[in-house]
Structures are given as C-alpha cells and as structure tokens.
Amino acid sequence: MRLEFKLELDDIEVPRFSVEAVEGIGKIFTLATLVLNVLENRKSVEIVFHGLNPEDPGRKIEGFKEIMESSPTARAVEYEGGENSRVPGSSSYFQWLTIRRAGG
C-alpha cells in the first residue's frame, strides 16, 4: 500500500519513528543520528521497534542506546520503555521507547 502525505517535522510536537523487523544495524545507526538531530529542537521522540521473535525489539533497543550514548557532543537523554507486546494473530513483536532530553 502506498500513501502520500506531506508531513513537516516542524508540525509535529513528538516525532515518531519505527524500526522494521528486518532492518539491520545500519538502519539503527541512521535512526540514532536522526534522533540526536531531532532532539536538538524537540523535547522527546518516540520509536516503535519490532521484530519476528520476542527478543528482537529488546536487542535493537540496546544497540540503539549504545549508539546514542557514544556521541561525544550530544545532549544527555533519558529513556522510558513503553508497551512491549505481540501483534495478535501474527509473529510480530514490538516495544515502544520514548527518548527525552535529560532534565526536560
């Protein structure tokens, strides 16, 4: 399915992103740098990580956090885990994560 919609980051208070089940580590690096850039202007970002087995979302989140925390100049951030569940009737598991600028 294809949906075209004009979406401006400036119009969104809390940007949300997703990490696909089959995304490799390269996409996690790309997402981490994108989130660091967005957090320069936004207080928080939400990401849903998903995978094909129950361990996938957690592993992706841990890798994401390691990459985020390795930046020598980025602002400090805080993480809050959200819902961790399975999509009924499928083999898809997901975990939400909120990333906030520390102290804000």
Protein backbone atom coordinates (compact mmCIF):
# COMPACT_ATOMS: atom_id res chain seq x y z
CA MET A 1 0.00 0.00 0.00
CA ARG A 2 1.26 3.46 -0.81
CA LEU A 3 0.09 6.61 0.90
CA GLU A 4 1.34 10.06 0.01
CA PHE A 5 1.06 12.77 2.61
CA LYS A 6 3.04 15.94 3.23
CA LEU A 7 4.46 15.80 6.72
CA GLU A 8 6.67 18.52 8.14
CA LEU A 9 8.72 17.81 11.26
CA ASP A 10 8.00 21.37 12.37
CA ASP A 11 4.29 20.47 12.59
CA ILE A 12 4.82 17.53 14.96
CA GLU A 13 5.28 18.03 18.70
CA VAL A 14 6.51 14.48 19.39
CA PRO A 15 8.11 12.89 16.30
CA ARG A 16 7.59 9.11 15.99
CA PHE A 17 9.66 6.62 14.06
CA SER A 18 9.71 2.87 13.58
CA VAL A 19 12.34 0.20 13.13
CA GLU A 20 11.21 -2.57 10.80
CA ALA A 21 11.61 -6.22 11.71
CA VAL A 22 14.22 -6.85 9.02
CA GLU A 23 16.24 -3.66 9.47
CA GLY A 24 19.94 -4.21 10.03
CA ILE A 25 22.37 -2.36 12.25
CA GLY A 26 22.98 0.26 9.55
CA LYS A 27 19.41 1.49 9.94
CA ILE A 28 19.84 1.64 13.72
CA PHE A 29 22.87 3.92 13.25
CA THR A 30 20.86 6.10 10.85
CA LEU A 31 17.95 6.28 13.27
CA ALA A 32 20.20 7.16 16.23
CA THR A 33 21.79 10.06 14.36
CA LEU A 34 18.37 11.25 13.19
CA VAL A 35 17.04 11.14 16.76
CA LEU A 36 20.05 13.04 18.09
CA ASN A 37 19.45 15.74 15.49
CA VAL A 38 15.71 15.93 16.19
CA LEU A 39 16.33 16.20 19.95
CA GLU A 40 18.23 19.43 19.30
CA ASN A 41 14.83 21.03 18.62
CA ARG A 42 12.30 18.71 20.25
CA LYS A 43 11.96 17.57 23.85
CA SER A 44 11.21 13.94 23.01
CA VAL A 45 10.94 11.30 20.31
CA GLU A 46 9.01 8.02 20.31
CA ILE A 47 10.16 4.92 18.45
CA VAL A 48 8.49 1.57 17.99
CA PHE A 49 10.95 -1.30 17.49
CA HIS A 50 9.61 -4.56 16.12
CA GLY A 51 10.86 -7.98 15.19
CA LEU A 52 9.91 -11.53 14.34
CA ASN A 53 10.70 -13.04 17.74
CA PRO A 54 10.20 -11.73 21.29
CA GLU A 55 13.90 -10.87 21.79
CA ASP A 56 14.29 -8.75 18.63
CA PRO A 57 12.86 -5.43 19.87
CA GLY A 58 14.92 -5.50 23.08
CA ARG A 59 18.14 -6.29 21.22
CA LYS A 60 17.52 -3.45 18.78
CA ILE A 61 16.81 -1.06 21.66
CA GLU A 62 20.04 -1.99 23.43
CA GLY A 63 22.05 -1.42 20.24
CA PHE A 64 20.25 1.87 19.66
CA LYS A 65 21.06 3.06 23.20
CA GLU A 66 24.74 2.13 22.82
CA ILE A 67 24.97 4.14 19.62
CA MET A 68 23.12 7.11 21.15
CA GLU A 69 25.34 7.15 24.23
CA SER A 70 28.55 7.01 22.19
CA SER A 71 28.09 10.53 20.80
CA PRO A 72 30.74 12.78 22.36
CA THR A 73 28.74 16.00 21.92
CA ALA A 74 25.06 15.08 22.13
CA ARG A 75 22.84 16.20 24.98
CA ALA A 76 22.16 13.70 27.74
CA VAL A 77 18.95 11.73 27.23
CA GLU A 78 16.56 9.66 29.33
CA TYR A 79 14.77 6.53 28.14
CA GLU A 80 11.30 5.33 29.04
CA GLY A 81 10.10 1.94 27.88
CA GLY A 82 6.55 1.72 26.63
CA GLU A 83 4.30 -1.15 25.69
CA ASN A 84 6.03 -4.42 24.92
CA SER A 85 3.69 -6.85 23.21
CA ARG A 86 2.84 -9.06 20.27
CA VAL A 87 0.53 -8.20 17.40
CA PRO A 88 -2.39 -10.66 17.80
CA GLY A 89 -2.53 -13.36 15.14
CA SER A 90 0.96 -12.65 13.82
CA SER A 91 4.60 -13.37 14.53
CA SER A 92 5.40 -9.67 15.11
CA TYR A 93 6.63 -8.40 18.46
CA PHE A 94 7.13 -4.76 19.36
CA GLN A 95 8.40 -2.40 22.05
CA TRP A 96 7.85 1.35 22.28
CA LEU A 97 10.63 3.59 23.56
CA THR A 98 10.45 7.29 24.44
CA ILE A 99 13.68 9.27 24.37
CA ARG A 100 13.71 12.62 26.18
CA ARG A 101 16.32 15.30 26.63
CA ALA A 102 17.61 14.89 30.18
CA GLY A 103 16.14 17.40 32.57
CA GLY A 104 13.45 18.44 30.15
